[in-house]
Amino acid sequence: MNVNPKEAIGLTNLPLTLVSPLLNAYACIGKLNGKEKYGMSNYNASPVLMSIYLDAIRRHFDKILAGQIVDASDNVPHWSAILANIDIIVSAEAAGTLIDDRPLVIGYEGVLDKLTPLVKSLQELHKDKTPRDFTLKDKK
């Protein structure tokens, strides 16, 4: 089978269509919120501390875990804020304005390797028990 030369080259490029337009839409709302509050692309014009954006991502994610999907302060979905913060980190890194001020953590992967086998061990140990798990569905 003959392959179109443009197609052959295209198959080696980033498959940008794999990112859903839904993700793009959510990210755009988060970025618009930031543009209206702080100005567009301000993170490219001055140094950016990575920890500030990682902390924001974690706060928004924790709110999602706690059952809040939309930020009460601006009605923007927390997913949008998370995506906007990720975009800021990767954009600042590309612009050379990102300051990587993450704390030095030594041994994390070793701890994961050590603790992960405990998951199966605990599941096996407690397999005869039937505790009730409470989820956000129980809140109602």
Protein backbone atom coordinates (compact mmCIF):
# COMPACT_ATOMS: atom_id res chain seq x y z
CA MET A 1 0.00 0.00 0.00
CA ASN A 2 1.34 3.41 -0.97
CA VAL A 3 1.22 6.07 1.70
CA ASN A 4 0.70 9.70 0.84
CA PRO A 5 4.04 11.48 1.55
CA LYS A 6 2.29 14.19 3.61
CA GLU A 7 0.54 11.49 5.64
CA ALA A 8 3.82 9.66 6.24
CA ILE A 9 5.39 12.83 7.62
CA GLY A 10 2.24 13.72 9.55
CA LEU A 11 2.28 10.39 11.35
CA THR A 12 5.58 11.36 12.98
CA ASN A 13 4.27 14.70 14.34
CA LEU A 14 2.59 15.26 17.66
CA PRO A 15 -0.98 13.94 17.45
CA LEU A 16 -2.60 17.15 18.68
CA THR A 17 -6.11 15.87 17.95
CA LEU A 18 -5.74 13.42 20.85
CA VAL A 19 -6.39 16.26 23.30
CA SER A 20 -10.13 16.64 23.67
CA PRO A 21 -11.80 19.93 22.78
CA LEU A 22 -13.51 19.53 26.16
CA LEU A 23 -10.16 19.84 27.91
CA ASN A 24 -9.39 22.89 25.80
CA ALA A 25 -12.74 24.48 26.70
CA TYR A 26 -12.20 23.92 30.44
CA ALA A 27 -8.66 25.27 30.21
CA CYS A 28 -9.85 28.37 28.33
CA ILE A 29 -12.29 29.29 31.10
CA GLY A 30 -9.52 28.94 33.67
CA LYS A 31 -7.17 31.05 31.56
CA LEU A 32 -9.86 33.69 30.94
CA ASN A 33 -10.47 33.93 34.68
CA GLY A 34 -6.75 34.51 35.22
CA LYS A 35 -6.53 37.00 32.35
CA GLU A 36 -9.35 39.07 33.81
CA LYS A 37 -7.83 38.97 37.33
CA TYR A 38 -4.09 39.24 36.65
CA GLY A 39 -3.54 40.07 32.98
CA MET A 40 -2.76 37.82 30.04
CA SER A 41 0.57 35.97 30.01
CA ASN A 42 1.98 37.90 32.95
CA TYR A 43 3.88 34.73 33.92
CA ASN A 44 5.97 35.04 30.74
CA ALA A 45 7.12 38.56 31.56
CA SER A 46 8.43 37.94 35.06
CA PRO A 47 9.78 35.07 37.15
CA VAL A 48 7.26 32.49 38.34
CA LEU A 49 7.61 30.34 41.46
CA MET A 50 6.53 26.81 40.65
CA SER A 51 5.40 26.17 44.22
CA ILE A 52 2.70 28.86 44.01
CA TYR A 53 1.03 27.08 41.09
CA LEU A 54 1.52 23.59 42.53
CA ASP A 55 -0.12 24.80 45.75
CA ALA A 56 -3.04 26.22 43.76
CA ILE A 57 -3.42 22.95 41.84
CA ARG A 58 -3.47 21.04 45.10
CA ARG A 59 -6.04 23.37 46.70
CA HIS A 60 -8.36 23.05 43.71
CA PHE A 61 -7.90 19.29 43.57
CA ASP A 62 -8.58 18.95 47.30
CA LYS A 63 -11.80 20.95 46.85
CA ILE A 64 -12.85 18.51 44.15
CA LEU A 65 -12.11 15.60 46.50
CA ALA A 66 -14.20 17.34 49.16
CA GLY A 67 -17.14 17.47 46.76
CA GLN A 68 -16.94 20.98 45.35
CA ILE A 69 -16.84 21.03 41.55
CA VAL A 70 -17.17 24.78 41.00
CA ASP A 71 -15.27 27.48 42.90
CA ALA A 72 -17.86 29.44 44.89
CA SER A 73 -15.85 32.67 44.55
CA ASP A 74 -16.09 32.89 40.74
CA ASN A 75 -18.21 29.96 39.50
CA VAL A 76 -15.24 28.58 37.54
CA PRO A 77 -14.88 24.79 37.63
CA HIS A 78 -11.91 23.66 39.70
CA TRP A 79 -10.80 21.55 36.72
CA SER A 80 -10.45 24.79 34.75
CA ALA A 81 -8.26 26.34 37.43
CA ILE A 82 -6.09 23.23 37.58
CA LEU A 83 -5.60 23.23 33.81
CA ALA A 84 -4.82 26.95 33.80
CA ASN A 85 -2.18 26.46 36.50
CA ILE A 86 -0.60 23.58 34.60
CA ASP A 87 -0.53 25.77 31.49
CA ILE A 88 1.19 28.53 33.44
CA ILE A 89 3.88 26.15 34.71
CA VAL A 90 4.67 24.70 31.28
CA SER A 91 4.47 28.12 29.59
CA ALA A 92 6.78 29.73 32.14
CA GLU A 93 9.19 26.82 31.79
CA ALA A 94 9.21 27.28 28.00
CA ALA A 95 9.69 31.05 28.41
CA GLY A 96 12.56 30.54 30.83
CA THR A 97 10.73 32.38 33.61
CA LEU A 98 9.95 29.37 35.83
CA ILE A 99 11.78 29.19 39.15
CA ASP A 100 11.72 25.60 40.37
CA ASP A 101 11.43 26.15 44.11
CA ARG A 102 10.00 22.74 44.95
CA PRO A 103 11.36 21.40 48.23
CA LEU A 104 14.10 18.83 48.04
CA VAL A 105 12.58 15.42 48.75
CA ILE A 106 14.94 12.50 49.05
CA GLY A 107 13.85 8.88 48.96
CA TYR A 108 10.22 9.29 47.81
CA GLU A 109 10.37 6.59 45.14
CA GLY A 110 12.01 4.23 47.61
CA VAL A 111 9.22 4.84 50.11
CA LEU A 112 6.62 4.14 47.41
CA ASP A 113 8.42 0.93 46.50
CA LYS A 114 8.48 -0.05 50.18
CA LEU A 115 4.85 0.79 50.96
CA THR A 116 3.13 -0.39 47.76
CA PRO A 117 3.36 -4.10 48.65
CA LEU A 118 1.47 -3.30 51.85
CA VAL A 119 -1.64 -2.54 49.77
CA LYS A 120 -2.04 -6.14 48.67
CA SER A 121 -1.01 -7.39 52.10
CA LEU A 122 -3.66 -5.29 53.85
CA GLN A 123 -6.32 -6.27 51.32
CA GLU A 124 -5.52 -9.92 51.95
CA LEU A 125 -5.43 -9.45 55.73
CA HIS A 126 -8.87 -7.81 55.80
CA LYS A 127 -10.56 -9.78 53.00
CA ASP A 128 -13.10 -11.29 55.41
CA LYS A 129 -14.35 -7.88 56.56
CA THR A 130 -17.10 -5.86 54.91
CA PRO A 131 -16.77 -2.29 56.18
CA ARG A 132 -19.05 0.35 54.76
CA ASP A 133 -17.35 3.00 52.68
CA PHE A 134 -18.89 6.45 52.86
CA THR A 135 -18.75 8.62 49.76
CA LEU A 136 -20.15 11.93 48.65
CA LYS A 137 -23.35 10.10 47.65
CA ASP A 138 -23.97 9.58 51.39
CA LYS A 139 -23.92 13.31 52.03
CA LYS A 140 -27.44 13.79 50.71
